[in-house]
Amino acid sequence: MLYRCSCAVFIECVCVHGHCSADHAVSRSPSDLSELLKAGTVDAHDKAENTQFVLNSQGSGWSLLSRQLGTVALYFTYSALEEEMDGNRDQPQFAPLYFPEELHRREALAKDLEFFYGENWQAVVQLSEATRKYVDRIHEVGRSEPELLVAHAYTRYMGDLSGGQVLKKVAQRALKLPSTGEGVQFYTFDNISSAKEFKQLYRSRMNDLDLDQETKLRIVEEANRAFGFNMEVGWH
């Protein structure tokens, strides 16, 4: 049974049988960015929970086509995000959150696309209009306001390590995908031994960023915008 979730800020936070897949952060000072994000994205999170994406998270609404199209959207989104992260890896207001070996998803998504579409997948997949808007915003932020990349990275990657792990099993079951991981490499983080510990490290690094209050609030605003893009794309 799917329950209403009231925790965290992640687009892929899914509550199953009364248990939330996203960890509750330890209570912190209201000035900490992680707590500001949690409090400042409640409405966006509630809206995201009621999208068809979440309603389908039990598997009944999943199809192979929707999974394929969702993987395409993810590939273009993460390609843009990781390009901008690479370009800003020395930027002091983002650098502490740069974990390419642990987090980057582009190569994993390429493997999933090859599984779904074959070796010629790059000639087949297309960028949707909704995903293009998301990609354009990520590039805009990376080039003009790199501190706002924090919002996009945190919203996506922490969700991948939270509800995404539930969705991996749902996809395998609903779509009868191989148990060996083909088609769901996106959810596999080979260089993270403990998702819980890594998320704690990530939040700690984020809270230690040298940001003034105005910048933190701009990051919260950008996180809400990221939620909006995710809902418009409507991927699995």
C-alpha atoms as a PDB file:
ATOM      1  CA  MET A   1       0.000   0.000   0.000  1.00  0.00           C
ATOM      2  CA  LEU A   2       1.260   3.487  -0.853  1.00  0.00           C
ATOM      3  CA  TYR A   3       1.219   5.955   2.013  1.00  0.00           C
ATOM      4  CA  ARG A   4       1.501   9.704   2.015  1.00  0.00           C
ATOM      5  CA  CYS A   5       5.067  10.751   2.686  1.00  0.00           C
ATOM      6  CA  SER A   6       5.917  13.836   4.729  1.00  0.00           C
ATOM      7  CA  CYS A   7       9.693  13.571   4.866  1.00  0.00           C
ATOM      8  CA  ALA A   8      12.726  14.863   3.022  1.00  0.00           C
ATOM      9  CA  VAL A   9      12.825  16.740  -0.263  1.00  0.00           C
ATOM     10  CA  PHE A  10      13.466  14.057  -2.833  1.00  0.00           C
ATOM     11  CA  ILE A  11      11.534  13.630  -6.033  1.00  0.00           C
ATOM     12  CA  GLU A  12      11.917   9.861  -5.715  1.00  0.00           C
ATOM     13  CA  CYS A  13      10.845   9.527  -2.090  1.00  0.00           C
ATOM     14  CA  VAL A  14       8.359   6.655  -1.989  1.00  0.00           C
ATOM     15  CA  CYS A  15       6.578   5.307   1.081  1.00  0.00           C
ATOM     16  CA  VAL A  16       5.660   1.655   0.925  1.00  0.00           C
ATOM     17  CA  HIS A  17       3.736  -0.207   3.626  1.00  0.00           C
ATOM     18  CA  GLY A  18       4.103   2.771   5.924  1.00  0.00           C
ATOM     19  CA  HIS A  19       7.888   3.005   5.696  1.00  0.00           C
ATOM     20  CA  CYS A  20       9.537   5.924   3.999  1.00  0.00           C
ATOM     21  CA  SER A  21      12.415   5.222   1.652  1.00  0.00           C
ATOM     22  CA  ALA A  22      14.131   8.560   2.345  1.00  0.00           C
ATOM     23  CA  ASP A  23      15.983   8.935   5.619  1.00  0.00           C
ATOM     24  CA  HIS A  24      14.939  11.613   8.066  1.00  0.00           C
ATOM     25  CA  ALA A  25      17.822  13.965   8.698  1.00  0.00           C
ATOM     26  CA  VAL A  26      18.939  14.541  12.255  1.00  0.00           C
ATOM     27  CA  SER A  27      17.382  17.731  13.611  1.00  0.00           C
ATOM     28  CA  ARG A  28      19.637  20.670  12.890  1.00  0.00           C
ATOM     29  CA  SER A  29      19.759  24.382  13.297  1.00  0.00           C
ATOM     30  CA  PRO A  30      17.270  26.263  11.071  1.00  0.00           C
ATOM     31  CA  SER A  31      20.255  27.938   9.441  1.00  0.00           C
ATOM     32  CA  ASP A  32      21.522  24.640   8.011  1.00  0.00           C
ATOM     33  CA  LEU A  33      20.882  24.328   4.306  1.00  0.00           C
ATOM     34  CA  SER A  34      19.545  20.775   4.563  1.00  0.00           C
ATOM     35  CA  GLU A  35      16.858  21.878   7.010  1.00  0.00           C
ATOM     36  CA  LEU A  36      16.004  24.959   4.977  1.00  0.00           C
ATOM     37  CA  LEU A  37      15.554  22.722   1.941  1.00  0.00           C
ATOM     38  CA  LYS A  38      13.406  20.290   3.856  1.00  0.00           C
ATOM     39  CA  ALA A  39      11.117  23.010   5.197  1.00  0.00           C
ATOM     40  CA  GLY A  40      11.118  25.115   2.062  1.00  0.00           C
ATOM     41  CA  THR A  41      10.099  22.385  -0.379  1.00  0.00           C
ATOM     42  CA  VAL A  42       7.209  20.824   1.561  1.00  0.00           C
ATOM     43  CA  ASP A  43       4.532  22.066  -0.846  1.00  0.00           C
ATOM     44  CA  ALA A  44       6.500  20.976  -3.914  1.00  0.00           C
ATOM     45  CA  HIS A  45       7.100  17.596  -2.328  1.00  0.00           C
ATOM     46  CA  ASP A  46       3.393  17.154  -1.616  1.00  0.00           C
ATOM     47  CA  LYS A  47       2.557  17.963  -5.224  1.00  0.00           C
ATOM     48  CA  ALA A  48       5.188  15.529  -6.479  1.00  0.00           C
ATOM     49  CA  GLU A  49       3.711  12.755  -4.334  1.00  0.00           C
ATOM     50  CA  ASN A  50       0.408  13.116  -6.137  1.00  0.00           C
ATOM     51  CA  THR A  51       1.785  12.941  -9.668  1.00  0.00           C
ATOM     52  CA  GLN A  52       1.177   9.883 -11.812  1.00  0.00           C
ATOM     53  CA  PHE A  53       4.859   9.085 -11.300  1.00  0.00           C
ATOM     54  CA  VAL A  54       4.297   8.300  -7.646  1.00  0.00           C
ATOM     55  CA  LEU A  55       0.885   6.738  -8.157  1.00  0.00           C
ATOM     56  CA  ASN A  56       2.580   4.328 -10.542  1.00  0.00           C
ATOM     57  CA  SER A  57       5.415   3.524  -8.144  1.00  0.00           C
ATOM     58  CA  GLN A  58       3.815   0.256  -7.082  1.00  0.00           C
ATOM     59  CA  GLY A  59       4.267  -0.990 -10.645  1.00  0.00           C
ATOM     60  CA  SER A  60       0.699  -1.250 -11.952  1.00  0.00           C
ATOM     61  CA  GLY A  61       1.096   1.828 -14.148  1.00  0.00           C
ATOM     62  CA  TRP A  62       4.543   0.962 -15.479  1.00  0.00           C
ATOM     63  CA  SER A  63       5.179  -0.117 -19.055  1.00  0.00           C
ATOM     64  CA  LEU A  64       8.312  -0.860 -21.011  1.00  0.00           C
ATOM     65  CA  LEU A  65       7.738   2.236 -23.155  1.00  0.00           C
ATOM     66  CA  SER A  66       7.380   4.526 -20.142  1.00  0.00           C
ATOM     67  CA  ARG A  67      10.558   3.092 -18.678  1.00  0.00           C
ATOM     68  CA  GLN A  68      12.413   3.603 -21.945  1.00  0.00           C
ATOM     69  CA  LEU A  69      11.257   7.208 -22.281  1.00  0.00           C
ATOM     70  CA  GLY A  70      12.018   7.878 -18.632  1.00  0.00           C
ATOM     71  CA  THR A  71      15.537   6.576 -19.080  1.00  0.00           C
ATOM     72  CA  VAL A  72      16.024   8.842 -22.095  1.00  0.00           C
ATOM     73  CA  ALA A  73      14.925  11.860 -20.048  1.00  0.00           C
ATOM     74  CA  LEU A  74      17.230  10.883 -17.209  1.00  0.00           C
ATOM     75  CA  TYR A  75      20.162  10.483 -19.583  1.00  0.00           C
ATOM     76  CA  PHE A  76      19.832  13.973 -21.017  1.00  0.00           C
ATOM     77  CA  THR A  77      19.230  15.491 -17.590  1.00  0.00           C
ATOM     78  CA  TYR A  78      22.209  13.861 -15.925  1.00  0.00           C
ATOM     79  CA  SER A  79      24.435  14.533 -18.917  1.00  0.00           C
ATOM     80  CA  ALA A  80      23.705  18.247 -18.509  1.00  0.00           C
ATOM     81  CA  LEU A  81      24.033  18.174 -14.734  1.00  0.00           C
ATOM     82  CA  GLU A  82      27.321  16.292 -14.748  1.00  0.00           C
ATOM     83  CA  GLU A  83      28.758  18.463 -17.510  1.00  0.00           C
ATOM     84  CA  GLU A  84      28.097  21.548 -15.398  1.00  0.00           C
ATOM     85  CA  MET A  85      29.333  19.853 -12.232  1.00  0.00           C
ATOM     86  CA  ASP A  86      32.579  18.920 -13.988  1.00  0.00           C
ATOM     87  CA  GLY A  87      32.971  22.487 -15.162  1.00  0.00           C
ATOM     88  CA  ASN A  88      32.433  23.838 -11.643  1.00  0.00           C
ATOM     89  CA  ARG A  89      34.349  21.207  -9.689  1.00  0.00           C
ATOM     90  CA  ASP A  90      36.757  23.867  -8.395  1.00  0.00           C
ATOM     91  CA  GLN A  91      34.066  26.428  -7.630  1.00  0.00           C
ATOM     92  CA  PRO A  92      34.235  26.830  -3.800  1.00  0.00           C
ATOM     93  CA  GLN A  93      30.471  27.041  -3.341  1.00  0.00           C
ATOM     94  CA  PHE A  94      30.017  23.679  -5.065  1.00  0.00           C
ATOM     95  CA  ALA A  95      33.333  21.803  -4.965  1.00  0.00           C
ATOM     96  CA  PRO A  96      32.709  19.976  -1.621  1.00  0.00           C
ATOM     97  CA  LEU A  97      29.718  18.245  -3.240  1.00  0.00           C
ATOM     98  CA  TYR A  98      31.648  16.964  -6.248  1.00  0.00           C
ATOM     99  CA  PHE A  99      31.638  13.150  -6.052  1.00  0.00           C
ATOM    100  CA  PRO A 100      31.986  11.926  -9.651  1.00  0.00           C
ATOM    101  CA  GLU A 101      33.130   8.391  -8.816  1.00  0.00           C
ATOM    102  CA  GLU A 102      30.351   7.873  -6.320  1.00  0.00           C
ATOM    103  CA  LEU A 103      27.398   9.670  -7.895  1.00  0.00           C
ATOM    104  CA  HIS A 104      27.650  10.302 -11.628  1.00  0.00           C
ATOM    105  CA  ARG A 105      24.892   8.491 -13.530  1.00  0.00           C
ATOM    106  CA  ARG A 106      25.557   9.249 -17.202  1.00  0.00           C
ATOM    107  CA  GLU A 107      27.521   6.088 -17.976  1.00  0.00           C
ATOM    108  CA  ALA A 108      25.055   3.888 -16.103  1.00  0.00           C
ATOM    109  CA  LEU A 109      22.173   5.435 -18.034  1.00  0.00           C
ATOM    110  CA  ALA A 110      24.014   4.843 -21.317  1.00  0.00           C
ATOM    111  CA  LYS A 111      24.186   1.146 -20.428  1.00  0.00           C
ATOM    112  CA  ASP A 112      20.457   1.114 -19.681  1.00  0.00           C
ATOM    113  CA  LEU A 113      19.714   2.798 -23.012  1.00  0.00           C
ATOM    114  CA  GLU A 114      21.820   0.242 -24.858  1.00  0.00           C
ATOM    115  CA  PHE A 115      19.832  -2.500 -23.136  1.00  0.00           C
ATOM    116  CA  PHE A 116      16.503  -0.939 -24.127  1.00  0.00           C
ATOM    117  CA  TYR A 117      17.343   0.353 -27.617  1.00  0.00           C
ATOM    118  CA  GLY A 118      20.408  -1.584 -28.750  1.00  0.00           C
ATOM    119  CA  GLU A 119      23.895  -0.468 -29.735  1.00  0.00           C
ATOM    120  CA  ASN A 120      22.508   2.230 -32.033  1.00  0.00           C
ATOM    121  CA  TRP A 121      20.562   3.917 -29.228  1.00  0.00           C
ATOM    122  CA  GLN A 122      22.190   7.338 -29.723  1.00  0.00           C
ATOM    123  CA  ALA A 123      20.664   7.581 -33.180  1.00  0.00           C
ATOM    124  CA  VAL A 124      17.220   6.648 -31.867  1.00  0.00           C
ATOM    125  CA  VAL A 125      16.578   8.614 -28.663  1.00  0.00           C
ATOM    126  CA  GLN A 126      15.190  12.147 -28.747  1.00  0.00           C
ATOM    127  CA  LEU A 127      15.061  15.006 -26.271  1.00  0.00           C
ATOM    128  CA  SER A 128      11.490  15.865 -25.256  1.00  0.00           C
ATOM    129  CA  GLU A 129      10.403  19.476 -24.878  1.00  0.00           C
ATOM    130  CA  ALA A 130       9.886  19.115 -21.116  1.00  0.00           C
ATOM    131  CA  THR A 131      13.334  17.612 -20.663  1.00  0.00           C
ATOM    132  CA  ARG A 132      14.879  20.285 -22.885  1.00  0.00           C
ATOM    133  CA  LYS A 133      13.568  23.001 -20.546  1.00  0.00           C
ATOM    134  CA  TYR A 134      15.096  21.179 -17.570  1.00  0.00           C
ATOM    135  CA  VAL A 135      18.415  20.733 -19.382  1.00  0.00           C
ATOM    136  CA  ASP A 136      18.477  24.379 -20.448  1.00  0.00           C
ATOM    137  CA  ARG A 137      17.954  25.528 -16.876  1.00  0.00           C
ATOM    138  CA  ILE A 138      20.769  23.319 -15.593  1.00  0.00           C
ATOM    139  CA  HIS A 139      23.160  24.762 -18.181  1.00  0.00           C
ATOM    140  CA  GLU A 140      22.011  28.293 -17.372  1.00  0.00           C
ATOM    141  CA  VAL A 141      22.676  27.753 -13.666  1.00  0.00           C
ATOM    142  CA  GLY A 142      26.030  26.071 -14.239  1.00  0.00           C
ATOM    143  CA  ARG A 143      27.291  28.922 -16.384  1.00  0.00           C
ATOM    144  CA  SER A 144      25.926  31.928 -14.493  1.00  0.00           C
ATOM    145  CA  GLU A 145      25.017  30.854 -10.929  1.00  0.00           C
ATOM    146  CA  PRO A 146      26.965  27.670 -10.149  1.00  0.00           C
ATOM    147  CA  GLU A 147      26.072  27.810  -6.467  1.00  0.00           C
ATOM    148  CA  LEU A 148      22.520  26.872  -7.499  1.00  0.00           C
ATOM    149  CA  LEU A 149      23.793  23.552  -8.853  1.00  0.00           C
ATOM    150  CA  VAL A 150      23.582  22.460  -5.216  1.00  0.00           C
ATOM    151  CA  ALA A 151      19.782  22.418  -5.507  1.00  0.00           C
ATOM    152  CA  HIS A 152      19.738  20.248  -8.633  1.00  0.00           C
ATOM    153  CA  ALA A 153      22.433  17.845  -7.444  1.00  0.00           C
ATOM    154  CA  TYR A 154      20.939  17.387  -3.999  1.00  0.00           C
ATOM    155  CA  THR A 155      17.380  16.908  -5.224  1.00  0.00           C
ATOM    156  CA  ARG A 156      18.340  14.289  -7.792  1.00  0.00           C
ATOM    157  CA  TYR A 157      21.233  12.312  -6.316  1.00  0.00           C
ATOM    158  CA  MET A 158      19.898  12.017  -2.804  1.00  0.00           C
ATOM    159  CA  GLY A 159      16.616  10.831  -4.261  1.00  0.00           C
ATOM    160  CA  ASP A 160      18.460   8.212  -6.302  1.00  0.00           C
ATOM    161  CA  LEU A 161      20.000   6.893  -3.098  1.00  0.00           C
ATOM    162  CA  SER A 162      16.653   6.916  -1.305  1.00  0.00           C
ATOM    163  CA  GLY A 163      13.408   6.099  -3.095  1.00  0.00           C
ATOM    164  CA  GLY A 164      15.324   5.150  -6.196  1.00  0.00           C
ATOM    165  CA  GLN A 165      16.409   1.944  -4.521  1.00  0.00           C
ATOM    166  CA  VAL A 166      12.762   1.000  -3.993  1.00  0.00           C
ATOM    167  CA  LEU A 167      11.956   1.859  -7.603  1.00  0.00           C
ATOM    168  CA  LYS A 168      14.751  -0.402  -8.840  1.00  0.00           C
ATOM    169  CA  LYS A 169      12.980  -3.420  -7.388  1.00  0.00           C
ATOM    170  CA  VAL A 170       9.595  -2.188  -8.615  1.00  0.00           C
ATOM    171  CA  ALA A 171      10.920  -1.828 -12.168  1.00  0.00           C
ATOM    172  CA  GLN A 172      12.511  -5.258 -12.159  1.00  0.00           C
ATOM    173  CA  ARG A 173       9.303  -6.864 -10.954  1.00  0.00           C
ATOM    174  CA  ALA A 174       6.809  -4.879 -13.045  1.00  0.00           C
ATOM    175  CA  LEU A 175       8.766  -5.040 -16.294  1.00  0.00           C
ATOM    176  CA  LYS A 176      10.231  -8.509 -15.739  1.00  0.00           C
ATOM    177  CA  LEU A 177      13.762  -7.177 -16.117  1.00  0.00           C
ATOM    178  CA  PRO A 178      16.757  -9.446 -15.479  1.00  0.00           C
ATOM    179  CA  SER A 179      17.703  -9.882 -11.834  1.00  0.00           C
ATOM    180  CA  THR A 180      21.324  -9.285 -12.866  1.00  0.00           C
ATOM    181  CA  GLY A 181      20.637  -5.546 -13.226  1.00  0.00           C
ATOM    182  CA  GLU A 182      20.259  -4.893 -16.956  1.00  0.00           C
ATOM    183  CA  GLY A 183      17.945  -1.948 -17.538  1.00  0.00           C
ATOM    184  CA  VAL A 184      18.319  -0.584 -14.009  1.00  0.00           C
ATOM    185  CA  GLN A 185      22.021   0.270 -13.868  1.00  0.00           C
ATOM    186  CA  PHE A 186      20.909   3.816 -13.091  1.00  0.00           C
ATOM    187  CA  TYR A 187      20.059   2.715  -9.554  1.00  0.00           C
ATOM    188  CA  THR A 188      23.340   0.866  -8.956  1.00  0.00           C
ATOM    189  CA  PHE A 189      26.052   2.795  -7.086  1.00  0.00           C
ATOM    190  CA  ASP A 190      29.107   0.557  -7.140  1.00  0.00           C
ATOM    191  CA  ASN A 191      31.310   2.999  -5.235  1.00  0.00           C
ATOM    192  CA  ILE A 192      28.941   3.644  -2.327  1.00  0.00           C
ATOM    193  CA  SER A 193      28.975   0.910   0.302  1.00  0.00           C
ATOM    194  CA  SER A 194      26.376   2.522   2.570  1.00  0.00           C
ATOM    195  CA  ALA A 195      23.755   4.856   1.117  1.00  0.00           C
ATOM    196  CA  LYS A 196      22.771   6.029   4.586  1.00  0.00           C
ATOM    197  CA  GLU A 197      26.316   6.997   5.554  1.00  0.00           C
ATOM    198  CA  PHE A 198      26.976   8.673   2.233  1.00  0.00           C
ATOM    199  CA  LYS A 199      23.822  10.767   2.491  1.00  0.00           C
ATOM    200  CA  GLN A 200      24.890  11.862   5.954  1.00  0.00           C
ATOM    201  CA  LEU A 201      28.284  12.884   4.565  1.00  0.00           C
ATOM    202  CA  TYR A 202      26.639  14.749   1.689  1.00  0.00           C
ATOM    203  CA  ARG A 203      24.309  16.687   3.982  1.00  0.00           C
ATOM    204  CA  SER A 204      27.204  17.524   6.264  1.00  0.00           C
ATOM    205  CA  ARG A 205      29.276  18.826   3.347  1.00  0.00           C
ATOM    206  CA  MET A 206      26.299  20.806   2.136  1.00  0.00           C
ATOM    207  CA  ASN A 207      25.695  22.370   5.537  1.00  0.00           C
ATOM    208  CA  ASP A 208      29.365  23.364   5.728  1.00  0.00           C
ATOM    209  CA  LEU A 209      29.313  25.287   2.444  1.00  0.00           C
ATOM    210  CA  ASP A 210      30.327  28.916   2.890  1.00  0.00           C
ATOM    211  CA  LEU A 211      26.990  30.454   1.906  1.00  0.00           C
ATOM    212  CA  ASP A 212      25.161  33.478   3.231  1.00  0.00           C
ATOM    213  CA  GLN A 213      21.487  33.263   4.122  1.00  0.00           C
ATOM    214  CA  GLU A 214      20.359  34.943   0.920  1.00  0.00           C
ATOM    215  CA  THR A 215      22.200  32.358  -1.181  1.00  0.00           C
ATOM    216  CA  LYS A 216      20.737  29.511   0.855  1.00  0.00           C
ATOM    217  CA  LEU A 217      17.241  30.823   0.211  1.00  0.00           C
ATOM    218  CA  ARG A 218      18.004  31.087  -3.501  1.00  0.00           C
ATOM    219  CA  ILE A 219      19.066  27.429  -3.425  1.00  0.00           C
ATOM    220  CA  VAL A 220      15.759  26.506  -1.783  1.00  0.00           C
ATOM    221  CA  GLU A 221      13.928  28.434  -4.504  1.00  0.00           C
ATOM    222  CA  GLU A 222      15.929  26.588  -7.151  1.00  0.00           C
ATOM    223  CA  ALA A 223      15.115  23.246  -5.522  1.00  0.00           C
ATOM    224  CA  ASN A 224      11.426  24.059  -5.854  1.00  0.00           C
ATOM    225  CA  ARG A 225      12.039  24.845  -9.494  1.00  0.00           C
ATOM    226  CA  ALA A 226      13.796  21.483  -9.860  1.00  0.00           C
ATOM    227  CA  PHE A 227      10.730  19.755  -8.418  1.00  0.00           C
ATOM    228  CA  GLY A 228       8.632  21.490 -11.036  1.00  0.00           C
ATOM    229  CA  PHE A 229      10.863  20.306 -13.861  1.00  0.00           C
ATOM    230  CA  ASN A 230      10.762  16.745 -12.524  1.00  0.00           C
ATOM    231  CA  MET A 231       6.974  16.781 -12.414  1.00  0.00           C
ATOM    232  CA  GLU A 232       6.732  18.185 -15.940  1.00  0.00           C
ATOM    233  CA  VAL A 233       9.031  15.470 -17.285  1.00  0.00           C
ATOM    234  CA  GLY A 234       6.985  12.829 -15.426  1.00  0.00           C
ATOM    235  CA  TRP A 235       9.533  10.060 -15.778  1.00  0.00           C
ATOM    236  CA  HIS A 236       9.845   6.743 -14.018  1.00  0.00           C
END
